C-alpha atoms as a PDB file:
ATOM      1  CA  UNK A   1       0.000   0.000   0.000  1.00  0.00           C
ATOM      2  CA  UNK A   2       1.073   3.599  -0.571  1.00  0.00           C
ATOM      3  CA  UNK A   3       3.022   4.773   2.471  1.00  0.00           C
ATOM      4  CA  UNK A   4       1.202   8.095   2.838  1.00  0.00           C
ATOM      5  CA  UNK A   5      -2.216   6.448   2.614  1.00  0.00           C
ATOM      6  CA  UNK A   6      -1.320   3.739   5.119  1.00  0.00           C
ATOM      7  CA  UNK A   7       0.244   6.266   7.496  1.00  0.00           C
ATOM      8  CA  UNK A   8      -2.878   8.421   7.302  1.00  0.00           C
ATOM      9  CA  UNK A   9      -5.129   5.454   8.036  1.00  0.00           C
ATOM     10  CA  UNK A  10      -2.989   4.448  11.004  1.00  0.00           C
ATOM     11  CA  UNK A  11      -2.868   7.996  12.383  1.00  0.00           C
ATOM     12  CA  UNK A  12      -6.657   8.251  12.172  1.00  0.00           C
ATOM     13  CA  UNK A  13      -7.098   4.868  13.828  1.00  0.00           C
ATOM     14  CA  UNK A  14      -4.610   5.699  16.604  1.00  0.00           C
ATOM     15  CA  UNK A  15      -6.598   8.787  17.560  1.00  0.00           C
ATOM     16  CA  UNK A  16      -9.652   6.619  18.117  1.00  0.00           C
ATOM     17  CA  UNK A  17      -7.917   4.353  20.640  1.00  0.00           C
ATOM     18  CA  UNK A  18      -8.795   5.129  24.251  1.00  0.00           C
ATOM     19  CA  UNK A  19      -6.231   2.842  25.894  1.00  0.00           C
ATOM     20  CA  UNK A  20      -2.886   4.596  26.262  1.00  0.00           C
ATOM     21  CA  UNK A  21      -1.178   1.196  26.229  1.00  0.00           C
ATOM     22  CA  UNK A  22      -2.729   0.240  22.905  1.00  0.00           C
ATOM     23  CA  UNK A  23      -2.111   3.678  21.399  1.00  0.00           C
ATOM     24  CA  UNK A  24       1.565   3.500  22.360  1.00  0.00           C
ATOM     25  CA  UNK A  25       1.856   0.003  20.880  1.00  0.00           C
ATOM     26  CA  UNK A  26       0.145   1.022  17.643  1.00  0.00           C
ATOM     27  CA  UNK A  27       2.331   4.126  17.283  1.00  0.00           C
ATOM     28  CA  UNK A  28       5.434   1.948  17.723  1.00  0.00           C
ATOM     29  CA  UNK A  29       4.348   0.014  14.632  1.00  0.00           C
ATOM     30  CA  UNK A  30       3.464   3.112  12.608  1.00  0.00           C
ATOM     31  CA  UNK A  31       6.968   4.513  13.031  1.00  0.00           C
ATOM     32  CA  UNK A  32       8.353   1.563  11.045  1.00  0.00           C
ATOM     33  CA  UNK A  33       6.422   2.200   7.827  1.00  0.00           C
ATOM     34  CA  UNK A  34       9.126   4.083   5.928  1.00  0.00           C
ATOM     35  CA  UNK A  35      12.022   1.816   6.877  1.00  0.00           C
ATOM     36  CA  UNK A  36      13.668  -0.630   4.470  1.00  0.00           C
ATOM     37  CA  UNK A  37      12.425  -4.112   5.293  1.00  0.00           C
ATOM     38  CA  UNK A  38      15.819  -5.373   6.442  1.00  0.00           C
ATOM     39  CA  UNK A  39      15.878  -2.608   9.070  1.00  0.00           C
ATOM     40  CA  UNK A  40      12.439  -3.446  10.452  1.00  0.00           C
ATOM     41  CA  UNK A  41      12.193  -5.606  13.594  1.00  0.00           C
ATOM     42  CA  UNK A  42       9.754  -8.383  12.704  1.00  0.00           C
ATOM     43  CA  UNK A  43       8.106 -10.814  15.089  1.00  0.00           C
ATOM     44  CA  UNK A  44       6.790 -14.094  13.704  1.00  0.00           C
ATOM     45  CA  UNK A  45       3.704 -15.172  15.619  1.00  0.00           C
ATOM     46  CA  UNK A  46       1.755 -18.391  15.820  1.00  0.00           C
ATOM     47  CA  UNK A  47      -0.993 -19.421  18.194  1.00  0.00           C
ATOM     48  CA  UNK A  48      -2.872 -22.566  19.079  1.00  0.00           C
ATOM     49  CA  UNK A  49      -6.564 -22.187  19.819  1.00  0.00           C
ATOM     50  CA  UNK A  50      -9.503 -24.337  20.876  1.00  0.00           C
ATOM     51  CA  UNK A  51     -11.131 -23.643  17.496  1.00  0.00           C
ATOM     52  CA  UNK A  52     -11.342 -21.165  14.641  1.00  0.00           C
ATOM     53  CA  UNK A  53     -13.994 -18.745  15.923  1.00  0.00           C
ATOM     54  CA  UNK A  54     -12.504 -15.748  17.804  1.00  0.00           C
ATOM     55  CA  UNK A  55     -15.910 -14.926  19.279  1.00  0.00           C
ATOM     56  CA  UNK A  56     -16.209 -18.186  21.196  1.00  0.00           C
ATOM     57  CA  UNK A  57     -12.901 -20.073  21.027  1.00  0.00           C
ATOM     58  CA  UNK A  58      -9.854 -19.373  23.198  1.00  0.00           C
ATOM     59  CA  UNK A  59      -6.094 -18.970  22.808  1.00  0.00           C
ATOM     60  CA  UNK A  60      -4.114 -21.884  24.266  1.00  0.00           C
ATOM     61  CA  UNK A  61      -0.530 -21.040  23.319  1.00  0.00           C
ATOM     62  CA  UNK A  62       1.534 -18.275  21.732  1.00  0.00           C
ATOM     63  CA  UNK A  63       4.894 -18.636  20.019  1.00  0.00           C
ATOM     64  CA  UNK A  64       7.137 -15.724  19.004  1.00  0.00           C
ATOM     65  CA  UNK A  65      10.296 -15.730  16.864  1.00  0.00           C
ATOM     66  CA  UNK A  66      12.121 -12.433  16.117  1.00  0.00           C
ATOM     67  CA  UNK A  67      13.531 -11.627  12.668  1.00  0.00           C
ATOM     68  CA  UNK A  68      15.879  -8.698  12.065  1.00  0.00           C
ATOM     69  CA  UNK A  69      18.332  -7.823   9.298  1.00  0.00           C
ATOM     70  CA  UNK A  70      17.271 -10.962   7.409  1.00  0.00           C
ATOM     71  CA  UNK A  71      18.263 -13.207  10.306  1.00  0.00           C
ATOM     72  CA  UNK A  72      16.214 -15.295  12.723  1.00  0.00           C
ATOM     73  CA  UNK A  73      17.133 -14.674  16.353  1.00  0.00           C
ATOM     74  CA  UNK A  74      16.345 -17.935  18.106  1.00  0.00           C
ATOM     75  CA  UNK A  75      17.976 -16.740  21.312  1.00  0.00           C
ATOM     76  CA  UNK A  76      15.019 -14.395  21.776  1.00  0.00           C
ATOM     77  CA  UNK A  77      12.298 -16.833  20.704  1.00  0.00           C
ATOM     78  CA  UNK A  78       9.686 -17.575  23.350  1.00  0.00           C
ATOM     79  CA  UNK A  79       6.358 -19.276  23.917  1.00  0.00           C
ATOM     80  CA  UNK A  80       3.719 -19.444  26.627  1.00  0.00           C
ATOM     81  CA  UNK A  81       0.668 -21.505  27.459  1.00  0.00           C
ATOM     82  CA  UNK A  82      -2.556 -19.682  28.286  1.00  0.00           C
ATOM     83  CA  UNK A  83      -5.153 -20.883  30.775  1.00  0.00           C
ATOM     84  CA  UNK A  84      -8.752 -21.042  29.572  1.00  0.00           C
ATOM     85  CA  UNK A  85     -12.280 -21.300  30.875  1.00  0.00           C
ATOM     86  CA  UNK A  86     -13.429 -24.906  30.633  1.00  0.00           C
ATOM     87  CA  UNK A  87     -11.662 -27.732  28.834  1.00  0.00           C
ATOM     88  CA  UNK A  88      -9.641 -27.978  25.623  1.00  0.00           C
ATOM     89  CA  UNK A  89     -12.019 -30.759  24.599  1.00  0.00           C
ATOM     90  CA  UNK A  90     -11.469 -32.550  21.298  1.00  0.00           C
ATOM     91  CA  UNK A  91      -9.119 -29.804  20.061  1.00  0.00           C
ATOM     92  CA  UNK A  92      -6.367 -31.592  22.028  1.00  0.00           C
ATOM     93  CA  UNK A  93      -6.217 -34.170  19.230  1.00  0.00           C
ATOM     94  CA  UNK A  94      -4.921 -31.422  16.914  1.00  0.00           C
ATOM     95  CA  UNK A  95      -2.477 -29.415  19.035  1.00  0.00           C
ATOM     96  CA  UNK A  96      -1.650 -31.944  21.768  1.00  0.00           C
ATOM     97  CA  UNK A  97      -2.202 -29.442  24.585  1.00  0.00           C
ATOM     98  CA  UNK A  98      -4.076 -30.916  27.542  1.00  0.00           C
ATOM     99  CA  UNK A  99      -6.026 -29.408  30.416  1.00  0.00           C
ATOM    100  CA  UNK A 100      -3.177 -30.454  32.716  1.00  0.00           C
ATOM    101  CA  UNK A 101      -0.672 -28.542  30.561  1.00  0.00           C
ATOM    102  CA  UNK A 102      -2.763 -25.392  30.911  1.00  0.00           C
ATOM    103  CA  UNK A 103      -3.045 -25.624  34.689  1.00  0.00           C
ATOM    104  CA  UNK A 104       0.176 -23.623  34.977  1.00  0.00           C
ATOM    105  CA  UNK A 105      -0.511 -21.326  32.026  1.00  0.00           C
ATOM    106  CA  UNK A 106      -0.705 -17.548  32.083  1.00  0.00           C
ATOM    107  CA  UNK A 107      -4.079 -15.909  32.498  1.00  0.00           C
ATOM    108  CA  UNK A 108      -5.415 -14.348  29.260  1.00  0.00           C
ATOM    109  CA  UNK A 109      -4.748 -10.852  30.635  1.00  0.00           C
ATOM    110  CA  UNK A 110      -1.134 -11.648  31.535  1.00  0.00           C
ATOM    111  CA  UNK A 111      -0.610 -13.449  28.214  1.00  0.00           C
ATOM    112  CA  UNK A 112      -1.827 -10.412  26.271  1.00  0.00           C
ATOM    113  CA  UNK A 113       0.493  -8.172  28.271  1.00  0.00           C
ATOM    114  CA  UNK A 114       3.354 -10.608  27.616  1.00  0.00           C
ATOM    115  CA  UNK A 115       2.752 -10.423  23.884  1.00  0.00           C
ATOM    116  CA  UNK A 116       2.302  -6.648  23.704  1.00  0.00           C
ATOM    117  CA  UNK A 117       5.534  -6.107  25.627  1.00  0.00           C
ATOM    118  CA  UNK A 118       7.531  -8.291  23.223  1.00  0.00           C
ATOM    119  CA  UNK A 119       5.793  -7.122  20.057  1.00  0.00           C
ATOM    120  CA  UNK A 120       6.123  -3.392  20.710  1.00  0.00           C
ATOM    121  CA  UNK A 121       8.243  -1.796  17.997  1.00  0.00           C
ATOM    122  CA  UNK A 122       7.852  -4.824  15.706  1.00  0.00           C
ATOM    123  CA  UNK A 123       5.820  -5.662  12.643  1.00  0.00           C
ATOM    124  CA  UNK A 124       3.960  -8.912  13.211  1.00  0.00           C
ATOM    125  CA  UNK A 125       4.392 -11.802  10.800  1.00  0.00           C
ATOM    126  CA  UNK A 126       2.025 -14.758  10.511  1.00  0.00           C
ATOM    127  CA  UNK A 127       0.847 -17.417   8.101  1.00  0.00           C
ATOM    128  CA  UNK A 128      -2.840 -16.716   7.466  1.00  0.00           C
ATOM    129  CA  UNK A 129      -2.526 -13.579   9.589  1.00  0.00           C
ATOM    130  CA  UNK A 130      -6.261 -12.715   9.667  1.00  0.00           C
ATOM    131  CA  UNK A 131      -6.971 -15.725  11.888  1.00  0.00           C
ATOM    132  CA  UNK A 132      -4.272 -15.181  14.522  1.00  0.00           C
ATOM    133  CA  UNK A 133      -4.781 -11.426  14.563  1.00  0.00           C
ATOM    134  CA  UNK A 134      -8.546 -11.781  14.978  1.00  0.00           C
ATOM    135  CA  UNK A 135      -7.922 -13.777  18.157  1.00  0.00           C
ATOM    136  CA  UNK A 136      -5.477 -11.129  19.403  1.00  0.00           C
ATOM    137  CA  UNK A 137      -7.937  -8.365  18.670  1.00  0.00           C
ATOM    138  CA  UNK A 138     -10.677 -10.250  20.470  1.00  0.00           C
ATOM    139  CA  UNK A 139      -8.338 -10.701  23.449  1.00  0.00           C
ATOM    140  CA  UNK A 140      -7.648  -6.954  23.518  1.00  0.00           C
ATOM    141  CA  UNK A 141     -11.382  -6.284  23.366  1.00  0.00           C
ATOM    142  CA  UNK A 142     -12.003  -8.573  26.326  1.00  0.00           C
ATOM    143  CA  UNK A 143      -9.069  -7.484  28.455  1.00  0.00           C
ATOM    144  CA  UNK A 144      -8.668  -3.789  27.580  1.00  0.00           C
ATOM    145  CA  UNK A 145     -12.101  -2.866  26.318  1.00  0.00           C
ATOM    146  CA  UNK A 146     -11.286  -2.098  22.688  1.00  0.00           C
ATOM    147  CA  UNK A 147     -10.159  -3.757  19.507  1.00  0.00           C
ATOM    148  CA  UNK A 148      -6.481  -3.351  18.657  1.00  0.00           C
ATOM    149  CA  UNK A 149      -5.562  -2.533  15.026  1.00  0.00           C
ATOM    150  CA  UNK A 150      -2.414  -4.367  13.990  1.00  0.00           C
ATOM    151  CA  UNK A 151       0.180  -3.960  11.260  1.00  0.00           C
ATOM    152  CA  UNK A 152       1.321  -7.333   9.954  1.00  0.00           C
ATOM    153  CA  UNK A 153       2.778  -9.263   7.041  1.00  0.00           C
ATOM    154  CA  UNK A 154       0.991 -12.420   5.934  1.00  0.00           C
ATOM    155  CA  UNK A 155       3.199 -15.120   4.384  1.00  0.00           C
ATOM    156  CA  UNK A 156       0.115 -16.891   3.008  1.00  0.00           C
ATOM    157  CA  UNK A 157      -0.965 -13.734   1.164  1.00  0.00           C
ATOM    158  CA  UNK A 158       2.565 -13.223  -0.183  1.00  0.00           C
ATOM    159  CA  UNK A 159       2.632 -16.767  -1.532  1.00  0.00           C
ATOM    160  CA  UNK A 160      -0.821 -16.464  -3.081  1.00  0.00           C
ATOM    161  CA  UNK A 161       0.250 -13.287  -4.882  1.00  0.00           C
ATOM    162  CA  UNK A 162       3.432 -14.933  -6.146  1.00  0.00           C
ATOM    163  CA  UNK A 163       1.610 -17.981  -7.475  1.00  0.00           C
ATOM    164  CA  UNK A 164      -1.027 -15.875  -9.195  1.00  0.00           C
ATOM    165  CA  UNK A 165       1.651 -13.689 -10.810  1.00  0.00           C
ATOM    166  CA  UNK A 166       3.190 -16.884 -12.187  1.00  0.00           C
ATOM    167  CA  UNK A 167      -0.267 -17.988 -13.353  1.00  0.00           C
ATOM    168  CA  UNK A 168      -0.058 -21.121 -11.223  1.00  0.00           C
ATOM    169  CA  UNK A 169      -3.234 -22.980 -10.307  1.00  0.00           C
ATOM    170  CA  UNK A 170      -4.084 -22.683  -6.619  1.00  0.00           C
ATOM    171  CA  UNK A 171      -4.859 -26.273  -5.713  1.00  0.00           C
ATOM    172  CA  UNK A 172      -6.532 -27.229  -2.450  1.00  0.00           C
ATOM    173  CA  UNK A 173      -3.948 -27.204   0.331  1.00  0.00           C
ATOM    174  CA  UNK A 174      -1.332 -25.416  -1.779  1.00  0.00           C
ATOM    175  CA  UNK A 175      -1.220 -22.455   0.616  1.00  0.00           C
ATOM    176  CA  UNK A 176      -0.794 -24.457   3.806  1.00  0.00           C
ATOM    177  CA  UNK A 177       2.388 -23.590   5.664  1.00  0.00           C
ATOM    178  CA  UNK A 178       4.189 -26.855   4.908  1.00  0.00           C
ATOM    179  CA  UNK A 179       3.148 -26.731   1.231  1.00  0.00           C
ATOM    180  CA  UNK A 180       4.461 -23.177   0.886  1.00  0.00           C
ATOM    181  CA  UNK A 181       7.734 -24.131   2.573  1.00  0.00           C
ATOM    182  CA  UNK A 182       8.232 -27.127   0.302  1.00  0.00           C
ATOM    183  CA  UNK A 183       8.288 -24.872  -2.781  1.00  0.00           C
ATOM    184  CA  UNK A 184      11.381 -23.162  -1.345  1.00  0.00           C
ATOM    185  CA  UNK A 185      13.109 -26.399  -0.373  1.00  0.00           C
ATOM    186  CA  UNK A 186      12.496 -25.872   3.335  1.00  0.00           C
ATOM    187  CA  UNK A 187      12.140 -28.941   5.570  1.00  0.00           C
ATOM    188  CA  UNK A 188       8.823 -30.115   6.945  1.00  0.00           C
ATOM    189  CA  UNK A 189       8.285 -29.576  10.673  1.00  0.00           C
ATOM    190  CA  UNK A 190       5.702 -31.178  12.931  1.00  0.00           C
ATOM    191  CA  UNK A 191       2.682 -28.861  12.866  1.00  0.00           C
ATOM    192  CA  UNK A 192       0.492 -27.379  15.600  1.00  0.00           C
ATOM    193  CA  UNK A 193       3.211 -26.294  18.001  1.00  0.00           C
ATOM    194  CA  UNK A 194       3.086 -22.516  18.387  1.00  0.00           C
ATOM    195  CA  UNK A 195       6.840 -21.958  18.649  1.00  0.00           C
ATOM    196  CA  UNK A 196       7.739 -24.392  15.853  1.00  0.00           C
ATOM    197  CA  UNK A 197       5.102 -22.920  13.557  1.00  0.00           C
ATOM    198  CA  UNK A 198       6.328 -19.384  14.290  1.00  0.00           C
ATOM    199  CA  UNK A 199       9.845 -20.494  13.336  1.00  0.00           C
ATOM    200  CA  UNK A 200       8.504 -22.162  10.189  1.00  0.00           C
ATOM    201  CA  UNK A 201       6.726 -18.927   9.258  1.00  0.00           C
ATOM    202  CA  UNK A 202       9.880 -16.870   9.850  1.00  0.00           C
ATOM    203  CA  UNK A 203      11.952 -19.180   7.642  1.00  0.00           C
ATOM    204  CA  UNK A 204       9.324 -19.045   4.909  1.00  0.00           C
ATOM    205  CA  UNK A 205       9.293 -15.253   5.002  1.00  0.00           C
ATOM    206  CA  UNK A 206      13.073 -15.044   4.599  1.00  0.00           C
ATOM    207  CA  UNK A 207      12.850 -17.365   1.593  1.00  0.00           C
ATOM    208  CA  UNK A 208      10.001 -15.341   0.095  1.00  0.00           C
ATOM    209  CA  UNK A 209      11.725 -12.000   0.593  1.00  0.00           C
ATOM    210  CA  UNK A 210      14.947 -13.345  -0.947  1.00  0.00           C
ATOM    211  CA  UNK A 211      13.012 -14.422  -4.042  1.00  0.00           C
ATOM    212  CA  UNK A 212      11.508 -10.956  -4.439  1.00  0.00           C
ATOM    213  CA  UNK A 213      14.982  -9.875  -5.453  1.00  0.00           C
ATOM    214  CA  UNK A 214      14.680  -6.198  -4.612  1.00  0.00           C
ATOM    215  CA  UNK A 215      14.910  -3.884  -1.648  1.00  0.00           C
ATOM    216  CA  UNK A 216      11.451  -3.355  -0.189  1.00  0.00           C
ATOM    217  CA  UNK A 217      10.078  -1.026   2.429  1.00  0.00           C
ATOM    218  CA  UNK A 218       7.809  -2.058   5.249  1.00  0.00           C
ATOM    219  CA  UNK A 219       4.697  -0.400   3.818  1.00  0.00           C
ATOM    220  CA  UNK A 220       4.991  -2.436   0.610  1.00  0.00           C
ATOM    221  CA  UNK A 221       4.328  -5.759   2.362  1.00  0.00           C
ATOM    222  CA  UNK A 222       2.582  -4.891   5.615  1.00  0.00           C
ATOM    223  CA  UNK A 223      -1.175  -4.579   5.866  1.00  0.00           C
ATOM    224  CA  UNK A 224      -3.341  -2.906   8.488  1.00  0.00           C
ATOM    225  CA  UNK A 225      -5.730  -5.334  10.165  1.00  0.00           C
ATOM    226  CA  UNK A 226      -8.553  -3.512  11.902  1.00  0.00           C
END
């Protein structure tokens, strides 16, 4: 998106935020718009949830992997489990997280604070970003009383655009994380672990950005999710 247009949209949205914490976080993202991509602190994010509906399902785990200057910084990677109301139910068969695992997890309020603290001054990165970000925005609504707009890069959207430019047929499953990685010769990791999936997303992004073959600025890849 055009930098001036995106900056204007973000400035307008920031003025509508009542929470000083959220406004400060959002401004920290806006200040990165004009930077070259390699100079932008990026934070790959993945979450495990009880389902796919942000209105009724809950976050179980968050994984974060920093990327800066085209390098993954595993020494600063981190993940947390998040306690929930009720049971994980049948979703445990997908992510492997049990009720016992969550007994020592962070409360949703503390988990949101944990994420905001680490993500401040970063552009978020996710595979199928609208899903993860919708859960984050719902968490902000519940814990802080308002929806948090977020600036993020979506590796799924980048791959879809690349395939369409090449006039490739988008087959079912072709945009899944492991399918996207395989096209760049990246190894397959076990899925549905928040930290591992965040790392897989970060590696995919570095491969994608290398294939773009030109110096990009943050505003050219990032999108505002409201």
